[in-house]
PDB file of all heavy atoms in Angstrom:
ATOM      1  N   CYS A   1      -7.184  -1.642   5.977  1.00  0.00           N
ATOM      2  CA  CYS A   1      -6.550  -2.845   5.387  1.00  0.00           C
ATOM      3  C   CYS A   1      -5.861  -3.550   6.434  1.00  0.00           C
ATOM      4  O   CYS A   1      -4.828  -3.045   6.989  1.00  0.00           O
ATOM      5  CB  CYS A   1      -5.588  -2.362   4.176  1.00  0.00           C
ATOM      6  SG  CYS A   1      -4.751  -3.753   3.532  1.00  0.00           S
ATOM      7  N   ALA A   2      -6.308  -4.815   6.749  1.00  0.00           N
ATOM      8  CA  ALA A   2      -5.719  -5.697   7.749  1.00  0.00           C
ATOM      9  C   ALA A   2      -4.924  -6.713   6.937  1.00  0.00           C
ATOM     10  O   ALA A   2      -5.414  -7.557   6.208  1.00  0.00           O
ATOM     11  CB  ALA A   2      -6.666  -6.295   8.588  1.00  0.00           C
ATOM     12  N   ALA A   3      -3.532  -6.713   7.177  1.00  0.00           N
ATOM     13  CA  ALA A   3      -2.701  -7.737   6.679  1.00  0.00           C
ATOM     14  C   ALA A   3      -2.566  -8.939   7.582  1.00  0.00           C
ATOM     15  O   ALA A   3      -2.389  -8.776   8.846  1.00  0.00           O
ATOM     16  CB  ALA A   3      -1.290  -7.190   6.366  1.00  0.00           C
ATOM     17  N   SER A   4      -2.664 -10.084   6.954  1.00  0.00           N
ATOM     18  CA  SER A   4      -2.494 -11.331   7.941  1.00  0.00           C
ATOM     19  C   SER A   4      -1.174 -11.350   8.561  1.00  0.00           C
ATOM     20  O   SER A   4      -0.177 -10.844   8.030  1.00  0.00           O
ATOM     21  CB  SER A   4      -2.526 -12.620   6.903  1.00  0.00           C
ATOM     22  OG  SER A   4      -2.250 -13.803   7.607  1.00  0.00           O
ATOM     23  N   ARG A   5      -1.229 -11.825   9.751  1.00  0.00           N
ATOM     24  CA  ARG A   5       0.041 -11.915  10.590  1.00  0.00           C
ATOM     25  C   ARG A   5       0.948 -13.019   9.985  1.00  0.00           C
ATOM     26  O   ARG A   5       2.104 -13.146  10.377  1.00  0.00           O
ATOM     27  CB  ARG A   5      -0.257 -12.320  12.029  1.00  0.00           C
ATOM     28  CG  ARG A   5      -0.952 -11.208  12.742  1.00  0.00           C
ATOM     29  CD  ARG A   5      -0.020 -10.028  13.023  1.00  0.00           C
ATOM     30  NE  ARG A   5      -0.690  -9.009  13.794  1.00  0.00           N
ATOM     31  CZ  ARG A   5      -0.011  -7.874  14.189  1.00  0.00           C
ATOM     32  NH1 ARG A   5       1.205  -7.690  13.936  1.00  0.00           N
ATOM     33  NH2 ARG A   5      -0.727  -6.952  14.868  1.00  0.00           N
ATOM     34  N   SER A   6       0.504 -13.781   9.007  1.00  0.00           N
ATOM     35  CA  SER A   6       1.354 -14.678   8.253  1.00  0.00           C
ATOM     36  C   SER A   6       2.315 -14.019   7.286  1.00  0.00           C
ATOM     37  O   SER A   6       3.230 -14.575   6.733  1.00  0.00           O
ATOM     38  CB  SER A   6       0.501 -15.682   7.445  1.00  0.00           C
ATOM     39  OG  SER A   6      -0.385 -16.430   8.254  1.00  0.00           O
ATOM     40  N   ILE A   7       2.066 -12.731   6.968  1.00  0.00           N
ATOM     41  CA  ILE A   7       2.940 -11.966   6.153  1.00  0.00           C
ATOM     42  C   ILE A   7       4.006 -11.288   7.065  1.00  0.00           C
ATOM     43  O   ILE A   7       3.740 -10.510   7.937  1.00  0.00           O
ATOM     44  CB  ILE A   7       2.226 -10.842   5.406  1.00  0.00           C
ATOM     45  CG1 ILE A   7       1.065 -11.448   4.568  1.00  0.00           C
ATOM     46  CG2 ILE A   7       3.244 -10.053   4.533  1.00  0.00           C
ATOM     47  CD1 ILE A   7       0.318 -10.424   3.830  1.00  0.00           C
ATOM     48  N   PHE A   8       5.243 -11.671   6.835  1.00  0.00           N
ATOM     49  CA  PHE A   8       6.386 -11.143   7.632  1.00  0.00           C
ATOM     50  C   PHE A   8       7.175 -10.233   6.875  1.00  0.00           C
ATOM     51  O   PHE A   8       7.160 -10.109   5.650  1.00  0.00           O
ATOM     52  CB  PHE A   8       7.286 -12.368   8.046  1.00  0.00           C
ATOM     53  CG  PHE A   8       6.571 -13.356   8.868  1.00  0.00           C
ATOM     54  CD1 PHE A   8       6.247 -14.654   8.346  1.00  0.00           C
ATOM     55  CD2 PHE A   8       6.261 -13.120  10.239  1.00  0.00           C
ATOM     56  CE1 PHE A   8       5.544 -15.606   9.130  1.00  0.00           C
ATOM     57  CE2 PHE A   8       5.513 -14.069  10.993  1.00  0.00           C
ATOM     58  CZ  PHE A   8       5.267 -15.298  10.415  1.00  0.00           C
ATOM     59  N   SER A   9       7.966  -9.435   7.605  1.00  0.00           N
ATOM     60  CA  SER A   9       8.962  -8.455   7.049  1.00  0.00           C
ATOM     61  C   SER A   9       8.334  -7.477   6.148  1.00  0.00           C
ATOM     62  O   SER A   9       8.836  -7.165   5.038  1.00  0.00           O
ATOM     63  CB  SER A   9      10.044  -9.179   6.372  1.00  0.00           C
ATOM     64  OG  SER A   9      10.656 -10.206   7.239  1.00  0.00           O
ATOM     65  N   ILE A  10       7.161  -6.854   6.579  1.00  0.00           N
ATOM     66  CA  ILE A  10       6.462  -5.829   5.651  1.00  0.00           C
ATOM     67  C   ILE A  10       7.387  -4.597   5.818  1.00  0.00           C
ATOM     68  O   ILE A  10       7.564  -4.039   6.943  1.00  0.00           O
ATOM     69  CB  ILE A  10       5.064  -5.651   6.192  1.00  0.00           C
ATOM     70  CG1 ILE A  10       4.179  -6.862   5.949  1.00  0.00           C
ATOM     71  CG2 ILE A  10       4.519  -4.318   5.407  1.00  0.00           C
ATOM     72  CD1 ILE A  10       2.770  -6.696   6.473  1.00  0.00           C
ATOM     73  N   ASN A  11       7.780  -4.141   4.653  1.00  0.00           N
ATOM     74  CA  ASN A  11       8.559  -2.861   4.537  1.00  0.00           C
ATOM     75  C   ASN A  11       7.697  -1.666   4.414  1.00  0.00           C
ATOM     76  O   ASN A  11       7.848  -0.636   5.056  1.00  0.00           O
ATOM     77  CB  ASN A  11       9.643  -2.954   3.490  1.00  0.00           C
ATOM     78  CG  ASN A  11      10.480  -1.693   3.404  1.00  0.00           C
ATOM     79  OD1 ASN A  11      10.995  -1.286   4.487  1.00  0.00           O
ATOM     80  ND2 ASN A  11      10.630  -1.186   2.184  1.00  0.00           N
ATOM     81  N   THR A  12       6.719  -1.740   3.438  1.00  0.00           N
ATOM     82  CA  THR A  12       5.900  -0.614   3.134  1.00  0.00           C
ATOM     83  C   THR A  12       4.462  -1.063   2.847  1.00  0.00           C
ATOM     84  O   THR A  12       4.212  -2.160   2.272  1.00  0.00           O
ATOM     85  CB  THR A  12       6.386   0.047   1.866  1.00  0.00           C
ATOM     86  OG1 THR A  12       7.696   0.399   1.950  1.00  0.00           O
ATOM     87  CG2 THR A  12       5.555   1.317   1.459  1.00  0.00           C
ATOM     88  N   MET A  13       3.450  -0.284   3.330  1.00  0.00           N
ATOM     89  CA  MET A  13       2.176  -0.596   3.036  1.00  0.00           C
ATOM     90  C   MET A  13       1.606   0.789   2.358  1.00  0.00           C
ATOM     91  O   MET A  13       2.028   1.828   2.701  1.00  0.00           O
ATOM     92  CB  MET A  13       1.282  -0.868   4.315  1.00  0.00           C
ATOM     93  CG  MET A  13       1.757  -2.149   4.948  1.00  0.00           C
ATOM     94  SD  MET A  13       0.684  -2.785   6.306  1.00  0.00           S
ATOM     95  CE  MET A  13      -0.812  -3.234   5.341  1.00  0.00           C
ATOM     96  N   GLY A  14       0.605   0.600   1.575  1.00  0.00           N
ATOM     97  CA  GLY A  14       0.133   1.769   0.870  1.00  0.00           C
ATOM     98  C   GLY A  14      -1.197   1.381   0.215  1.00  0.00           C
ATOM     99  O   GLY A  14      -1.794   0.410   0.231  1.00  0.00           O
ATOM    100  N   TRP A  15      -1.673   2.558  -0.434  1.00  0.00           N
ATOM    101  CA  TRP A  15      -2.963   2.510  -1.167  1.00  0.00           C
ATOM    102  C   TRP A  15      -2.785   2.986  -2.586  1.00  0.00           C
ATOM    103  O   TRP A  15      -2.089   3.966  -2.813  1.00  0.00           O
ATOM    104  CB  TRP A  15      -4.019   3.375  -0.412  1.00  0.00           C
ATOM    105  CG  TRP A  15      -4.407   2.899   0.889  1.00  0.00           C
ATOM    106  CD1 TRP A  15      -3.882   3.234   2.136  1.00  0.00           C
ATOM    107  CD2 TRP A  15      -5.502   2.042   1.168  1.00  0.00           C
ATOM    108  NE1 TRP A  15      -4.605   2.584   3.128  1.00  0.00           N
ATOM    109  CE2 TRP A  15      -5.591   1.725   2.581  1.00  0.00           C
ATOM    110  CE3 TRP A  15      -6.435   1.282   0.360  1.00  0.00           C
ATOM    111  CZ2 TRP A  15      -6.496   0.989   3.137  1.00  0.00           C
ATOM    112  CZ3 TRP A  15      -7.344   0.450   0.960  1.00  0.00           C
ATOM    113  CH2 TRP A  15      -7.392   0.271   2.376  1.00  0.00           C
ATOM    114  N   TYR A  16      -3.349   2.218  -3.466  1.00  0.00           N
ATOM    115  CA  TYR A  16      -3.335   2.637  -4.884  1.00  0.00           C
ATOM    116  C   TYR A  16      -4.827   2.686  -5.324  1.00  0.00           C
ATOM    117  O   TYR A  16      -5.692   2.248  -4.690  1.00  0.00           O
ATOM    118  CB  TYR A  16      -2.618   1.565  -5.700  1.00  0.00           C
ATOM    119  CG  TYR A  16      -1.189   1.439  -5.595  1.00  0.00           C
ATOM    120  CD1 TYR A  16      -0.778   0.835  -4.443  1.00  0.00           C
ATOM    121  CD2 TYR A  16      -0.292   1.943  -6.609  1.00  0.00           C
ATOM    122  CE1 TYR A  16       0.647   0.693  -4.258  1.00  0.00           C
ATOM    123  CE2 TYR A  16       1.010   1.824  -6.439  1.00  0.00           C
ATOM    124  CZ  TYR A  16       1.587   1.116  -5.287  1.00  0.00           C
ATOM    125  OH  TYR A  16       2.930   1.052  -5.128  1.00  0.00           O
ATOM    126  N   ARG A  17      -5.020   3.529  -6.396  1.00  0.00           N
ATOM    127  CA  ARG A  17      -6.356   3.476  -6.913  1.00  0.00           C
ATOM    128  C   ARG A  17      -6.356   3.579  -8.507  1.00  0.00           C
ATOM    129  O   ARG A  17      -5.486   3.956  -9.040  1.00  0.00           O
ATOM    130  CB  ARG A  17      -7.115   4.761  -6.376  1.00  0.00           C
ATOM    131  CG  ARG A  17      -6.635   6.113  -6.927  1.00  0.00           C
ATOM    132  CD  ARG A  17      -7.318   7.213  -6.277  1.00  0.00           C
ATOM    133  NE  ARG A  17      -6.927   8.544  -6.802  1.00  0.00           N
ATOM    134  CZ  ARG A  17      -7.250   9.677  -6.269  1.00  0.00           C
ATOM    135  NH1 ARG A  17      -8.144   9.765  -5.239  1.00  0.00           N
ATOM    136  NH2 ARG A  17      -6.780  10.844  -6.815  1.00  0.00           N
ATOM    137  N   GLN A  18      -7.479   3.108  -8.970  1.00  0.00           N
ATOM    138  CA  GLN A  18      -7.625   3.146 -10.450  1.00  0.00           C
ATOM    139  C   GLN A  18      -9.039   3.474 -10.807  1.00  0.00           C
ATOM    140  O   GLN A  18      -9.995   2.734 -10.467  1.00  0.00           O
ATOM    141  CB  GLN A  18      -7.271   1.670 -11.049  1.00  0.00           C
ATOM    142  CG  GLN A  18      -7.128   1.684 -12.618  1.00  0.00           C
ATOM    143  CD  GLN A  18      -6.451   0.439 -13.178  1.00  0.00           C
ATOM    144  OE1 GLN A  18      -6.395  -0.530 -12.494  1.00  0.00           O
ATOM    145  NE2 GLN A  18      -5.955   0.626 -14.328  1.00  0.00           N
ATOM    146  N   ALA A  19      -9.169   4.492 -11.598  1.00  0.00           N
ATOM    147  CA  ALA A  19     -10.507   4.980 -12.084  1.00  0.00           C
ATOM    148  C   ALA A  19     -10.641   4.503 -13.485  1.00  0.00           C
ATOM    149  O   ALA A  19      -9.725   4.237 -14.276  1.00  0.00           O
ATOM    150  CB  ALA A  19     -10.544   6.477 -12.056  1.00  0.00           C
ATOM    151  N   PRO A  20     -11.880   4.295 -13.945  1.00  0.00           N
ATOM    152  CA  PRO A  20     -12.189   3.855 -15.355  1.00  0.00           C
ATOM    153  C   PRO A  20     -11.433   4.678 -16.325  1.00  0.00           C
ATOM    154  O   PRO A  20     -11.540   5.858 -16.377  1.00  0.00           O
ATOM    155  CB  PRO A  20     -13.671   3.953 -15.424  1.00  0.00           C
ATOM    156  CG  PRO A  20     -14.260   3.910 -14.007  1.00  0.00           C
ATOM    157  CD  PRO A  20     -13.170   4.569 -13.128  1.00  0.00           C
ATOM    158  N   GLY A  21     -10.705   3.996 -17.302  1.00  0.00           N
ATOM    159  CA  GLY A  21     -10.016   4.710 -18.296  1.00  0.00           C
ATOM    160  C   GLY A  21      -8.765   5.396 -17.910  1.00  0.00           C
ATOM    161  O   GLY A  21      -8.135   6.040 -18.738  1.00  0.00           O
ATOM    162  N   LYS A  22      -8.336   5.221 -16.642  1.00  0.00           N
ATOM    163  CA  LYS A  22      -7.083   5.876 -16.115  1.00  0.00           C
ATOM    164  C   LYS A  22      -6.148   4.820 -15.638  1.00  0.00           C
ATOM    165  O   LYS A  22      -6.498   3.714 -15.297  1.00  0.00           O
ATOM    166  CB  LYS A  22      -7.435   6.870 -15.052  1.00  0.00           C
ATOM    167  CG  LYS A  22      -8.431   7.991 -15.501  1.00  0.00           C
ATOM    168  CD  LYS A  22      -8.626   8.954 -14.447  1.00  0.00           C
ATOM    169  CE  LYS A  22      -7.506   9.765 -13.905  1.00  0.00           C
ATOM    170  NZ  LYS A  22      -7.819  10.705 -12.921  1.00  0.00           N
ATOM    171  N   GLN A  23      -4.865   5.211 -15.606  1.00  0.00           N
ATOM    172  CA  GLN A  23      -3.830   4.382 -15.094  1.00  0.00           C
ATOM    173  C   GLN A  23      -3.818   4.226 -13.549  1.00  0.00           C
ATOM    174  O   GLN A  23      -4.384   5.221 -12.815  1.00  0.00           O
ATOM    175  CB  GLN A  23      -2.453   4.913 -15.548  1.00  0.00           C
ATOM    176  CG  GLN A  23      -2.035   6.063 -14.933  1.00  0.00           C
ATOM    177  CD  GLN A  23      -0.752   6.624 -15.513  1.00  0.00           C
ATOM    178  OE1 GLN A  23      -0.681   7.042 -16.706  1.00  0.00           O
ATOM    179  NE2 GLN A  23       0.300   6.760 -14.666  1.00  0.00           N
ATOM    180  N   ARG A  24      -3.428   3.234 -13.000  1.00  0.00           N
ATOM    181  CA  ARG A  24      -3.413   3.026 -11.615  1.00  0.00           C
ATOM    182  C   ARG A  24      -2.254   3.992 -10.983  1.00  0.00           C
ATOM    183  O   ARG A  24      -1.215   4.180 -11.598  1.00  0.00           O
ATOM    184  CB  ARG A  24      -3.042   1.551 -11.177  1.00  0.00           C
ATOM    185  CG  ARG A  24      -3.071   1.277  -9.735  1.00  0.00           C
ATOM    186  CD  ARG A  24      -2.949  -0.141  -9.447  1.00  0.00           C
ATOM    187  NE  ARG A  24      -1.663  -0.645  -9.745  1.00  0.00           N
ATOM    188  CZ  ARG A  24      -1.261  -1.949  -9.515  1.00  0.00           C
ATOM    189  NH1 ARG A  24      -2.080  -2.766  -8.908  1.00  0.00           N
ATOM    190  NH2 ARG A  24      -0.087  -2.321  -9.906  1.00  0.00           N
ATOM    191  N   GLU A  25      -2.617   4.585  -9.830  1.00  0.00           N
ATOM    192  CA  GLU A  25      -1.690   5.598  -9.205  1.00  0.00           C
ATOM    193  C   GLU A  25      -1.591   5.243  -7.783  1.00  0.00           C
ATOM    194  O   GLU A  25      -2.463   4.735  -7.145  1.00  0.00           O
ATOM    195  CB  GLU A  25      -2.205   6.971  -9.465  1.00  0.00           C
ATOM    196  CG  GLU A  25      -3.486   7.287  -8.788  1.00  0.00           C
ATOM    197  CD  GLU A  25      -3.921   8.785  -8.867  1.00  0.00           C
ATOM    198  OE1 GLU A  25      -2.987   9.566  -9.245  1.00  0.00           O
ATOM    199  OE2 GLU A  25      -5.084   9.093  -8.601  1.00  0.00           O
ATOM    200  N   LEU A  26      -0.361   5.589  -7.270  1.00  0.00           N
ATOM    201  CA  LEU A  26      -0.118   5.528  -5.879  1.00  0.00           C
ATOM    202  C   LEU A  26      -0.783   6.666  -5.158  1.00  0.00           C
ATOM    203  O   LEU A  26      -0.573   7.881  -5.501  1.00  0.00           O
ATOM    204  CB  LEU A  26       1.373   5.571  -5.556  1.00  0.00           C
ATOM    205  CG  LEU A  26       1.727   5.526  -4.090  1.00  0.00           C
ATOM    206  CD1 LEU A  26       1.386   4.299  -3.308  1.00  0.00           C
ATOM    207  CD2 LEU A  26       3.319   5.818  -4.003  1.00  0.00           C
ATOM    208  N   VAL A  27      -1.622   6.338  -4.157  1.00  0.00           N
ATOM    209  CA  VAL A  27      -2.237   7.445  -3.389  1.00  0.00           C
ATOM    210  C   VAL A  27      -1.453   7.736  -2.254  1.00  0.00           C
ATOM    211  O   VAL A  27      -1.234   9.055  -1.983  1.00  0.00           O
ATOM    212  CB  VAL A  27      -3.719   6.954  -2.990  1.00  0.00           C
ATOM    213  CG1 VAL A  27      -4.421   8.007  -2.123  1.00  0.00           C
ATOM    214  CG2 VAL A  27      -4.553   6.610  -4.206  1.00  0.00           C
ATOM    215  N   ALA A  28      -1.037   6.923  -1.452  1.00  0.00           N
ATOM    216  CA  ALA A  28      -0.300   7.104  -0.222  1.00  0.00           C
ATOM    217  C   ALA A  28       0.425   5.937   0.241  1.00  0.00           C
ATOM    218  O   ALA A  28       0.015   4.679  -0.087  1.00  0.00           O
ATOM    219  CB  ALA A  28      -1.226   7.595   0.917  1.00  0.00           C
ATOM    220  N   SER A  29       1.469   6.019   0.902  1.00  0.00           N
ATOM    221  CA  SER A  29       2.313   4.885   1.377  1.00  0.00           C
ATOM    222  C   SER A  29       2.864   5.288   2.688  1.00  0.00           C
ATOM    223  O   SER A  29       3.116   6.404   3.026  1.00  0.00           O
ATOM    224  CB  SER A  29       3.416   4.441   0.399  1.00  0.00           C
ATOM    225  OG  SER A  29       4.373   5.435   0.232  1.00  0.00           O
ATOM    226  N   ILE A  30       3.230   4.280   3.448  1.00  0.00           N
ATOM    227  CA  ILE A  30       3.922   4.493   4.802  1.00  0.00           C
ATOM    228  C   ILE A  30       4.960   3.340   4.947  1.00  0.00           C
ATOM    229  O   ILE A  30       4.579   2.186   4.769  1.00  0.00           O
ATOM    230  CB  ILE A  30       2.925   4.613   5.965  1.00  0.00           C
ATOM    231  CG1 ILE A  30       3.654   4.814   7.271  1.00  0.00           C
ATOM    232  CG2 ILE A  30       2.126   3.262   5.973  1.00  0.00           C
ATOM    233  CD1 ILE A  30       2.668   5.301   8.315  1.00  0.00           C
ATOM    234  N   THR A  31       6.112   3.627   5.291  1.00  0.00           N
ATOM    235  CA  THR A  31       7.205   2.639   5.514  1.00  0.00           C
ATOM    236  C   THR A  31       7.143   2.163   6.935  1.00  0.00           C
ATOM    237  O   THR A  31       6.545   2.662   7.879  1.00  0.00           O
ATOM    238  CB  THR A  31       8.541   3.219   5.219  1.00  0.00           C
ATOM    239  OG1 THR A  31       8.896   4.177   6.281  1.00  0.00           O
ATOM    240  CG2 THR A  31       8.589   3.876   3.866  1.00  0.00           C
ATOM    241  N   SER A  32       7.953   1.059   7.253  1.00  0.00           N
ATOM    242  CA  SER A  32       8.093   0.478   8.545  1.00  0.00           C
ATOM    243  C   SER A  32       8.678   1.492   9.516  1.00  0.00           C
ATOM    244  O   SER A  32       8.449   1.420  10.691  1.00  0.00           O
ATOM    245  CB  SER A  32       8.992  -0.694   8.583  1.00  0.00           C
ATOM    246  OG  SER A  32      10.261  -0.487   7.982  1.00  0.00           O
ATOM    247  N   GLY A  33       9.414   2.496   8.992  1.00  0.00           N
ATOM    248  CA  GLY A  33       9.987   3.523   9.780  1.00  0.00           C
ATOM    249  C   GLY A  33       8.975   4.777  10.048  1.00  0.00           C
ATOM    250  O   GLY A  33       9.407   5.701  10.780  1.00  0.00           O
ATOM    251  N   GLY A  34       7.878   4.758   9.376  1.00  0.00           N
ATOM    252  CA  GLY A  34       6.917   5.781   9.532  1.00  0.00           C
ATOM    253  C   GLY A  34       6.876   6.847   8.590  1.00  0.00           C
ATOM    254  O   GLY A  34       6.227   7.873   8.682  1.00  0.00           O
ATOM    255  N   SER A  35       7.785   6.815   7.530  1.00  0.00           N
ATOM    256  CA  SER A  35       7.776   7.827   6.457  1.00  0.00           C
ATOM    257  C   SER A  35       6.595   7.736   5.558  1.00  0.00           C
ATOM    258  O   SER A  35       6.269   6.594   5.195  1.00  0.00           O
ATOM    259  CB  SER A  35       9.140   7.658   5.718  1.00  0.00           C
ATOM    260  OG  SER A  35      10.281   7.889   6.444  1.00  0.00           O
TER     261      SER A  35
END
């Protein structure tokens, strides 16, 4: 996932997923500090 350099001050990036008939869930995330 490549975020445009026009987006500033990104704190967290992550991945979500949604399967048919199921709620969207957070798969993984990473903060600007590396957590």
